[in-house]
Amino acid sequence: MAYASESLASEQATARRLHTNDASPMLPQRKLQENQQPEQPERQEFRNSHVALGVATHLIRTAGALSPFLILEFVKEPTRAHRWIKIASIATAGLNETLWATRVHRSSQENRHR
């Protein structure tokens, strides 16, 4: 019986030694891994000028596409409706080109600063 209790005690001592040896090197590794997390890139601002110009361009194009339907609905005389449709298409094309020129101008200025 003495032999079984001695082996049990030595096994427990070995298990404690292994447990303490495993635990001590793991703690610095865990701390190292937590500290070495990659930095997250800066988030893009919600109100980015390029995005705002893109949204405005989309809305202008949509308004230009829908304008003939609205004009024909409200203007009953065909010649006046035709004139208003031409005015609306020229106005939306002009606004669209102006926004595009603004966008290109801003991007060229940003490229110069880099």
C-alpha atoms as a PDB file:
ATOM      1  CA  MET A   1       0.000   0.000   0.000  1.00  0.00           C
ATOM      2  CA  ALA A   2       2.843   2.383   0.743  1.00  0.00           C
ATOM      3  CA  TYR A   3       4.086   1.967  -2.816  1.00  0.00           C
ATOM      4  CA  ALA A   4       0.722   3.006  -4.335  1.00  0.00           C
ATOM      5  CA  SER A   5       0.466   6.106  -2.175  1.00  0.00           C
ATOM      6  CA  GLU A   6       4.060   7.104  -3.006  1.00  0.00           C
ATOM      7  CA  SER A   7       3.437   6.742  -6.732  1.00  0.00           C
ATOM      8  CA  LEU A   8       0.211   8.674  -6.419  1.00  0.00           C
ATOM      9  CA  ALA A   9       2.012  11.455  -4.568  1.00  0.00           C
ATOM     10  CA  SER A  10       4.794  11.560  -7.165  1.00  0.00           C
ATOM     11  CA  GLU A  11       2.242  11.643 -10.009  1.00  0.00           C
ATOM     12  CA  GLN A  12       0.444  14.520  -8.330  1.00  0.00           C
ATOM     13  CA  ALA A  13       3.729  16.364  -7.840  1.00  0.00           C
ATOM     14  CA  THR A  14       4.629  15.788 -11.490  1.00  0.00           C
ATOM     15  CA  ALA A  15       1.200  17.011 -12.580  1.00  0.00           C
ATOM     16  CA  ARG A  16       1.572  20.141 -10.436  1.00  0.00           C
ATOM     17  CA  ARG A  17       5.026  20.794 -11.852  1.00  0.00           C
ATOM     18  CA  LEU A  18       3.797  20.368 -15.445  1.00  0.00           C
ATOM     19  CA  HIS A  19       0.794  22.527 -14.746  1.00  0.00           C
ATOM     20  CA  THR A  20       2.880  25.335 -13.279  1.00  0.00           C
ATOM     21  CA  ASN A  21       5.474  25.055 -16.062  1.00  0.00           C
ATOM     22  CA  ASP A  22       2.779  25.235 -18.740  1.00  0.00           C
ATOM     23  CA  ALA A  23       0.956  28.101 -17.100  1.00  0.00           C
ATOM     24  CA  SER A  24       3.906  30.436 -16.617  1.00  0.00           C
ATOM     25  CA  PRO A  25       5.086  30.569 -20.255  1.00  0.00           C
ATOM     26  CA  MET A  26       1.508  30.864 -21.526  1.00  0.00           C
ATOM     27  CA  LEU A  27       0.728  34.048 -19.623  1.00  0.00           C
ATOM     28  CA  PRO A  28       3.396  36.172 -21.340  1.00  0.00           C
ATOM     29  CA  GLN A  29       2.376  34.749 -24.720  1.00  0.00           C
ATOM     30  CA  ARG A  30      -1.229  35.689 -24.156  1.00  0.00           C
ATOM     31  CA  LYS A  31      -0.251  39.188 -23.139  1.00  0.00           C
ATOM     32  CA  LEU A  32       2.037  39.455 -26.158  1.00  0.00           C
ATOM     33  CA  GLN A  33      -0.704  38.331 -28.524  1.00  0.00           C
ATOM     34  CA  GLU A  34      -3.167  40.816 -27.064  1.00  0.00           C
ATOM     35  CA  ASN A  35      -0.686  43.670 -27.440  1.00  0.00           C
ATOM     36  CA  GLN A  36       0.265  42.720 -30.998  1.00  0.00           C
ATOM     37  CA  GLN A  37      -3.172  43.089 -32.534  1.00  0.00           C
ATOM     38  CA  PRO A  38      -2.953  44.802 -35.913  1.00  0.00           C
ATOM     39  CA  GLU A  39      -4.040  48.410 -35.955  1.00  0.00           C
ATOM     40  CA  GLN A  40      -7.337  48.987 -37.676  1.00  0.00           C
ATOM     41  CA  PRO A  41      -7.239  51.371 -40.622  1.00  0.00           C
ATOM     42  CA  GLU A  42      -8.951  54.704 -40.210  1.00  0.00           C
ATOM     43  CA  ARG A  43     -12.641  54.508 -40.927  1.00  0.00           C
ATOM     44  CA  GLN A  44     -13.980  56.524 -43.794  1.00  0.00           C
ATOM     45  CA  GLU A  45     -16.037  59.450 -42.666  1.00  0.00           C
ATOM     46  CA  PHE A  46     -19.746  59.204 -43.317  1.00  0.00           C
ATOM     47  CA  ARG A  47     -19.855  62.582 -45.037  1.00  0.00           C
ATOM     48  CA  ASN A  48     -17.216  62.054 -47.662  1.00  0.00           C
ATOM     49  CA  SER A  49     -17.387  64.615 -50.458  1.00  0.00           C
ATOM     50  CA  HIS A  50     -16.907  62.002 -53.179  1.00  0.00           C
ATOM     51  CA  VAL A  51     -19.822  59.999 -51.880  1.00  0.00           C
ATOM     52  CA  ALA A  52     -22.006  63.096 -51.603  1.00  0.00           C
ATOM     53  CA  LEU A  53     -21.247  64.076 -55.192  1.00  0.00           C
ATOM     54  CA  GLY A  54     -22.027  60.543 -56.344  1.00  0.00           C
ATOM     55  CA  VAL A  55     -25.368  60.588 -54.562  1.00  0.00           C
ATOM     56  CA  ALA A  56     -26.216  64.018 -55.971  1.00  0.00           C
ATOM     57  CA  THR A  57     -25.296  62.849 -59.479  1.00  0.00           C
ATOM     58  CA  HIS A  58     -27.510  59.792 -59.087  1.00  0.00           C
ATOM     59  CA  LEU A  59     -30.458  61.896 -57.906  1.00  0.00           C
ATOM     60  CA  ILE A  60     -30.049  64.356 -60.779  1.00  0.00           C
ATOM     61  CA  ARG A  61     -29.943  61.533 -63.326  1.00  0.00           C
ATOM     62  CA  THR A  62     -33.031  59.956 -61.781  1.00  0.00           C
ATOM     63  CA  ALA A  63     -34.861  63.290 -61.843  1.00  0.00           C
ATOM     64  CA  GLY A  64     -33.848  63.758 -65.477  1.00  0.00           C
ATOM     65  CA  ALA A  65     -35.152  60.328 -66.398  1.00  0.00           C
ATOM     66  CA  LEU A  66     -38.458  60.829 -64.583  1.00  0.00           C
ATOM     67  CA  SER A  67     -39.025  64.444 -65.670  1.00  0.00           C
ATOM     68  CA  PRO A  68     -40.775  63.626 -68.988  1.00  0.00           C
ATOM     69  CA  PHE A  69     -43.383  61.541 -67.167  1.00  0.00           C
ATOM     70  CA  LEU A  70     -44.058  64.280 -64.644  1.00  0.00           C
ATOM     71  CA  ILE A  71     -44.135  67.030 -67.267  1.00  0.00           C
ATOM     72  CA  LEU A  72     -46.537  65.085 -69.505  1.00  0.00           C
ATOM     73  CA  GLU A  73     -48.743  64.456 -66.491  1.00  0.00           C
ATOM     74  CA  PHE A  74     -49.037  68.126 -65.519  1.00  0.00           C
ATOM     75  CA  VAL A  75     -48.707  69.972 -68.856  1.00  0.00           C
ATOM     76  CA  LYS A  76     -51.561  68.997 -71.173  1.00  0.00           C
ATOM     77  CA  GLU A  77     -50.556  71.021 -74.227  1.00  0.00           C
ATOM     78  CA  PRO A  78     -48.110  68.949 -76.347  1.00  0.00           C
ATOM     79  CA  THR A  79     -45.931  71.814 -77.615  1.00  0.00           C
ATOM     80  CA  ARG A  80     -45.452  73.297 -74.135  1.00  0.00           C
ATOM     81  CA  ALA A  81     -44.775  69.834 -72.714  1.00  0.00           C
ATOM     82  CA  HIS A  82     -42.191  69.197 -75.427  1.00  0.00           C
ATOM     83  CA  ARG A  83     -40.486  72.515 -74.629  1.00  0.00           C
ATOM     84  CA  TRP A  84     -40.402  71.739 -70.877  1.00  0.00           C
ATOM     85  CA  ILE A  85     -38.999  68.265 -71.539  1.00  0.00           C
ATOM     86  CA  LYS A  86     -36.154  69.799 -73.589  1.00  0.00           C
ATOM     87  CA  ILE A  87     -35.462  72.354 -70.842  1.00  0.00           C
ATOM     88  CA  ALA A  88     -35.451  69.650 -68.165  1.00  0.00           C
ATOM     89  CA  SER A  89     -33.090  67.402 -70.138  1.00  0.00           C
ATOM     90  CA  ILE A  90     -30.648  70.245 -70.828  1.00  0.00           C
ATOM     91  CA  ALA A  91     -30.762  71.375 -67.187  1.00  0.00           C
ATOM     92  CA  THR A  92     -30.130  67.894 -65.791  1.00  0.00           C
ATOM     93  CA  ALA A  93     -27.294  67.285 -68.273  1.00  0.00           C
ATOM     94  CA  GLY A  94     -25.722  70.613 -67.326  1.00  0.00           C
ATOM     95  CA  LEU A  95     -25.978  69.892 -63.596  1.00  0.00           C
ATOM     96  CA  ASN A  96     -24.581  66.408 -64.094  1.00  0.00           C
ATOM     97  CA  GLU A  97     -21.570  67.721 -66.042  1.00  0.00           C
ATOM     98  CA  THR A  98     -20.970  70.440 -63.442  1.00  0.00           C
ATOM     99  CA  LEU A  99     -20.898  67.881 -60.640  1.00  0.00           C
ATOM    100  CA  TRP A 100     -18.585  65.643 -62.663  1.00  0.00           C
ATOM    101  CA  ALA A 101     -16.193  68.538 -63.307  1.00  0.00           C
ATOM    102  CA  THR A 102     -16.220  69.388 -59.591  1.00  0.00           C
ATOM    103  CA  ARG A 103     -15.414  65.804 -58.700  1.00  0.00           C
ATOM    104  CA  VAL A 104     -12.529  65.609 -61.184  1.00  0.00           C
ATOM    105  CA  HIS A 105     -11.158  68.946 -60.009  1.00  0.00           C
ATOM    106  CA  ARG A 106     -11.167  67.838 -56.349  1.00  0.00           C
ATOM    107  CA  SER A 107      -9.517  64.508 -57.117  1.00  0.00           C
ATOM    108  CA  SER A 108      -6.766  66.227 -59.156  1.00  0.00           C
ATOM    109  CA  GLN A 109      -6.087  68.611 -56.248  1.00  0.00           C
ATOM    110  CA  GLU A 110      -5.822  65.669 -53.840  1.00  0.00           C
ATOM    111  CA  ASN A 111      -3.406  63.914 -56.180  1.00  0.00           C
ATOM    112  CA  ARG A 112      -1.199  67.017 -56.309  1.00  0.00           C
ATOM    113  CA  HIS A 113      -0.978  67.116 -52.519  1.00  0.00           C
ATOM    114  CA  ARG A 114       0.221  63.509 -52.348  1.00  0.00           C
END
